[in-house]
Amino acid sequence: MELKQYLYYEESEILELYKSVGWSNYYENPELLKEAYKNSLFIVGAYSDDKLIGIIRVVGDGCSIIYVQDIIVAPAYQRKGIGKRLLDTILEKYENVYQKVLLTEKQPQTIAFYKGAGFEAADKYDCAAFVLFRGQSEA
């Protein structure tokens, strides 16, 4: 397995990766995804025999804040340390950035993964996190 900066957007491999984990909001909106990649701060891909098997995408200013927008590992390669290596690569590159933020599913294994990488829930710091998704109506 090799990690390297993802420099050239190849729609077929990206859509295949997102489909493999069921992230339909992205693979059903390929133009949105392409534009999102174009505007990303930094992207790292994980490869096995030149096949893209994982990716991490970061947005932000790279100084005061980075936001880990996507971290995906194809199901056949999960639980092998690839996600951790992708995340560690980003955390090392941006070690001096003040805030490192992400939003994720509230699943025990996902929470454990990010806590293991040093992340904490925002409320630990007496902070609140807010989100507004396009197309979502208020309750």
C-alpha atoms as a PDB file:
ATOM      1  CA  MET A   1       0.000   0.000   0.000  1.00  0.00           C
ATOM      2  CA  GLU A   2       1.289   3.412  -0.977  1.00  0.00           C
ATOM      3  CA  LEU A   3       0.123   6.884   0.075  1.00  0.00           C
ATOM      4  CA  LYS A   4       0.590   9.825  -2.250  1.00  0.00           C
ATOM      5  CA  GLN A   5      -0.870  13.236  -2.898  1.00  0.00           C
ATOM      6  CA  TYR A   6      -3.935  13.000  -5.107  1.00  0.00           C
ATOM      7  CA  LEU A   7      -3.244  15.552  -7.822  1.00  0.00           C
ATOM      8  CA  TYR A   8      -5.425  14.599 -10.807  1.00  0.00           C
ATOM      9  CA  TYR A   9      -9.135  14.027 -10.397  1.00  0.00           C
ATOM     10  CA  GLU A  10     -10.205  10.813 -12.097  1.00  0.00           C
ATOM     11  CA  GLU A  11     -13.966  10.661 -11.851  1.00  0.00           C
ATOM     12  CA  SER A  12     -14.413   6.923 -12.420  1.00  0.00           C
ATOM     13  CA  GLU A  13     -12.084   5.883  -9.590  1.00  0.00           C
ATOM     14  CA  ILE A  14     -13.461   8.511  -7.212  1.00  0.00           C
ATOM     15  CA  LEU A  15     -17.088   7.576  -7.911  1.00  0.00           C
ATOM     16  CA  GLU A  16     -16.254   3.884  -7.498  1.00  0.00           C
ATOM     17  CA  LEU A  17     -14.693   4.575  -4.094  1.00  0.00           C
ATOM     18  CA  TYR A  18     -17.639   6.672  -2.881  1.00  0.00           C
ATOM     19  CA  LYS A  19     -20.118   4.049  -4.169  1.00  0.00           C
ATOM     20  CA  SER A  20     -18.232   1.311  -2.334  1.00  0.00           C
ATOM     21  CA  VAL A  21     -19.095   2.967   0.998  1.00  0.00           C
ATOM     22  CA  GLY A  22     -22.577   4.133   0.003  1.00  0.00           C
ATOM     23  CA  TRP A  23     -21.972   7.894   0.067  1.00  0.00           C
ATOM     24  CA  SER A  24     -24.776   8.587  -2.407  1.00  0.00           C
ATOM     25  CA  ASN A  25     -24.878  12.355  -1.881  1.00  0.00           C
ATOM     26  CA  TYR A  26     -21.557  12.459  -3.673  1.00  0.00           C
ATOM     27  CA  TYR A  27     -21.775   9.762  -6.323  1.00  0.00           C
ATOM     28  CA  GLU A  28     -25.262  10.913  -7.331  1.00  0.00           C
ATOM     29  CA  ASN A  29     -23.862  14.457  -7.755  1.00  0.00           C
ATOM     30  CA  PRO A  30     -20.632  13.950  -9.713  1.00  0.00           C
ATOM     31  CA  GLU A  31     -20.340  17.624 -10.708  1.00  0.00           C
ATOM     32  CA  LEU A  32     -20.561  18.674  -7.046  1.00  0.00           C
ATOM     33  CA  LEU A  33     -17.889  16.133  -6.135  1.00  0.00           C
ATOM     34  CA  LYS A  34     -15.589  17.232  -8.941  1.00  0.00           C
ATOM     35  CA  GLU A  35     -15.900  20.878  -7.886  1.00  0.00           C
ATOM     36  CA  ALA A  36     -15.341  19.910  -4.230  1.00  0.00           C
ATOM     37  CA  TYR A  37     -12.107  18.141  -5.148  1.00  0.00           C
ATOM     38  CA  LYS A  38     -11.005  21.103  -7.250  1.00  0.00           C
ATOM     39  CA  ASN A  39     -11.442  23.420  -4.252  1.00  0.00           C
ATOM     40  CA  SER A  40      -9.848  21.160  -1.637  1.00  0.00           C
ATOM     41  CA  LEU A  41      -6.792  22.245   0.314  1.00  0.00           C
ATOM     42  CA  PHE A  42      -5.017  18.871   0.200  1.00  0.00           C
ATOM     43  CA  ILE A  43      -5.906  15.315  -0.825  1.00  0.00           C
ATOM     44  CA  VAL A  44      -4.035  12.070  -0.172  1.00  0.00           C
ATOM     45  CA  GLY A  45      -4.845   8.776  -1.873  1.00  0.00           C
ATOM     46  CA  ALA A  46      -4.040   5.248  -0.714  1.00  0.00           C
ATOM     47  CA  TYR A  47      -3.156   2.830  -3.498  1.00  0.00           C
ATOM     48  CA  SER A  48      -2.764  -0.905  -3.802  1.00  0.00           C
ATOM     49  CA  ASP A  49      -1.197  -1.990  -7.097  1.00  0.00           C
ATOM     50  CA  ASP A  50      -2.073   1.424  -8.596  1.00  0.00           C
ATOM     51  CA  LYS A  51      -5.749   1.044  -7.599  1.00  0.00           C
ATOM     52  CA  LEU A  52      -7.233   3.808  -5.442  1.00  0.00           C
ATOM     53  CA  ILE A  53      -8.424   2.118  -2.229  1.00  0.00           C
ATOM     54  CA  GLY A  54      -8.710   5.086   0.112  1.00  0.00           C
ATOM     55  CA  ILE A  55      -8.717   8.847   0.219  1.00  0.00           C
ATOM     56  CA  ILE A  56      -8.663  11.743   2.652  1.00  0.00           C
ATOM     57  CA  ARG A  57      -9.707  15.229   1.615  1.00  0.00           C
ATOM     58  CA  VAL A  58      -9.021  18.388   3.607  1.00  0.00           C
ATOM     59  CA  VAL A  59     -10.498  21.877   3.269  1.00  0.00           C
ATOM     60  CA  GLY A  60      -9.656  25.058   5.165  1.00  0.00           C
ATOM     61  CA  ASP A  61      -6.970  27.711   5.285  1.00  0.00           C
ATOM     62  CA  GLY A  62      -4.137  25.424   6.393  1.00  0.00           C
ATOM     63  CA  CYS A  63      -3.119  27.849   9.128  1.00  0.00           C
ATOM     64  CA  SER A  64      -5.837  28.425  11.706  1.00  0.00           C
ATOM     65  CA  ILE A  65      -8.170  25.597  10.655  1.00  0.00           C
ATOM     66  CA  ILE A  66      -8.426  22.451   8.608  1.00  0.00           C
ATOM     67  CA  TYR A  67     -11.548  20.414   8.175  1.00  0.00           C
ATOM     68  CA  VAL A  68     -11.291  16.722   7.342  1.00  0.00           C
ATOM     69  CA  GLN A  69     -14.131  16.550   4.857  1.00  0.00           C
ATOM     70  CA  ASP A  70     -13.792  12.987   3.575  1.00  0.00           C
ATOM     71  CA  ILE A  71     -11.904   9.967   4.743  1.00  0.00           C
ATOM     72  CA  ILE A  72     -12.857   6.802   2.881  1.00  0.00           C
ATOM     73  CA  VAL A  73     -11.366   3.332   2.678  1.00  0.00           C
ATOM     74  CA  ALA A  74     -12.899   0.742   0.346  1.00  0.00           C
ATOM     75  CA  PRO A  75     -14.662  -1.975   2.388  1.00  0.00           C
ATOM     76  CA  ALA A  76     -12.272  -4.764   1.310  1.00  0.00           C
ATOM     77  CA  TYR A  77      -9.382  -2.753   2.789  1.00  0.00           C
ATOM     78  CA  GLN A  78     -10.978  -1.499   5.997  1.00  0.00           C
ATOM     79  CA  ARG A  79      -9.642  -2.391   9.453  1.00  0.00           C
ATOM     80  CA  LYS A  80      -6.082  -2.712   8.123  1.00  0.00           C
ATOM     81  CA  GLY A  81      -4.742   0.623   9.371  1.00  0.00           C
ATOM     82  CA  ILE A  82      -5.164   2.477   6.077  1.00  0.00           C
ATOM     83  CA  GLY A  83      -7.599   5.060   7.452  1.00  0.00           C
ATOM     84  CA  LYS A  84      -5.252   5.705  10.361  1.00  0.00           C
ATOM     85  CA  ARG A  85      -2.300   6.181   8.022  1.00  0.00           C
ATOM     86  CA  LEU A  86      -4.296   8.601   5.880  1.00  0.00           C
ATOM     87  CA  LEU A  87      -5.372  10.607   8.925  1.00  0.00           C
ATOM     88  CA  ASP A  88      -1.875  10.552  10.458  1.00  0.00           C
ATOM     89  CA  THR A  89      -0.469  11.914   7.188  1.00  0.00           C
ATOM     90  CA  ILE A  90      -2.812  14.898   7.369  1.00  0.00           C
ATOM     91  CA  LEU A  91      -2.263  15.481  11.083  1.00  0.00           C
ATOM     92  CA  GLU A  92       1.495  15.480  10.542  1.00  0.00           C
ATOM     93  CA  LYS A  93       1.315  17.821   7.546  1.00  0.00           C
ATOM     94  CA  TYR A  94      -0.889  20.249   9.469  1.00  0.00           C
ATOM     95  CA  GLU A  95       0.514  19.705  12.967  1.00  0.00           C
ATOM     96  CA  ASN A  96       0.823  23.461  13.608  1.00  0.00           C
ATOM     97  CA  VAL A  97      -2.749  24.272  12.609  1.00  0.00           C
ATOM     98  CA  TYR A  98      -4.755  25.516  15.586  1.00  0.00           C
ATOM     99  CA  GLN A  99      -8.081  23.752  14.897  1.00  0.00           C
ATOM    100  CA  LYS A 100      -8.545  20.381  13.244  1.00  0.00           C
ATOM    101  CA  VAL A 101     -12.242  19.681  12.781  1.00  0.00           C
ATOM    102  CA  LEU A 102     -14.473  16.985  11.331  1.00  0.00           C
ATOM    103  CA  LEU A 103     -18.083  15.882  11.351  1.00  0.00           C
ATOM    104  CA  THR A 104     -18.855  12.164  11.347  1.00  0.00           C
ATOM    105  CA  GLU A 105     -21.536   9.576  11.939  1.00  0.00           C
ATOM    106  CA  LYS A 106     -22.372   8.893  15.562  1.00  0.00           C
ATOM    107  CA  GLN A 107     -21.342   5.228  15.489  1.00  0.00           C
ATOM    108  CA  PRO A 108     -19.271   3.662  18.292  1.00  0.00           C
ATOM    109  CA  GLN A 109     -16.537   2.377  15.962  1.00  0.00           C
ATOM    110  CA  THR A 110     -16.251   5.723  14.175  1.00  0.00           C
ATOM    111  CA  ILE A 111     -16.110   7.645  17.442  1.00  0.00           C
ATOM    112  CA  ALA A 112     -13.467   5.246  18.759  1.00  0.00           C
ATOM    113  CA  PHE A 113     -11.403   5.694  15.587  1.00  0.00           C
ATOM    114  CA  TYR A 114     -11.285   9.491  15.885  1.00  0.00           C
ATOM    115  CA  LYS A 115     -10.773   9.472  19.655  1.00  0.00           C
ATOM    116  CA  GLY A 116      -7.867   7.096  19.087  1.00  0.00           C
ATOM    117  CA  ALA A 117      -6.389   9.717  16.754  1.00  0.00           C
ATOM    118  CA  GLY A 118      -6.654  12.389  19.471  1.00  0.00           C
ATOM    119  CA  PHE A 119      -9.924  14.063  18.484  1.00  0.00           C
ATOM    120  CA  GLU A 120     -12.493  14.929  21.154  1.00  0.00           C
ATOM    121  CA  ALA A 121     -16.166  15.816  21.024  1.00  0.00           C
ATOM    122  CA  ALA A 122     -16.594  19.611  20.825  1.00  0.00           C
ATOM    123  CA  ASP A 123     -18.557  19.723  24.076  1.00  0.00           C
ATOM    124  CA  LYS A 124     -15.450  18.629  25.986  1.00  0.00           C
ATOM    125  CA  TYR A 125     -14.101  22.127  25.331  1.00  0.00           C
ATOM    126  CA  ASP A 126     -17.387  23.804  26.242  1.00  0.00           C
ATOM    127  CA  CYS A 127     -18.054  24.299  22.539  1.00  0.00           C
ATOM    128  CA  ALA A 128     -21.067  23.460  20.421  1.00  0.00           C
ATOM    129  CA  ALA A 129     -20.956  22.299  16.829  1.00  0.00           C
ATOM    130  CA  PHE A 130     -23.662  23.335  14.379  1.00  0.00           C
ATOM    131  CA  VAL A 131     -24.472  22.193  10.868  1.00  0.00           C
ATOM    132  CA  LEU A 132     -26.939  23.223   8.180  1.00  0.00           C
ATOM    133  CA  PHE A 133     -27.358  20.871   5.243  1.00  0.00           C
ATOM    134  CA  ARG A 134     -28.754  22.207   1.982  1.00  0.00           C
ATOM    135  CA  GLY A 135     -32.306  21.024   1.409  1.00  0.00           C
ATOM    136  CA  GLN A 136     -32.965  20.051   5.006  1.00  0.00           C
ATOM    137  CA  SER A 137     -36.041  21.581   6.574  1.00  0.00           C
ATOM    138  CA  GLU A 138     -36.122  22.762  10.134  1.00  0.00           C
ATOM    139  CA  ALA A 139     -37.794  20.519  12.700  1.00  0.00           C
END
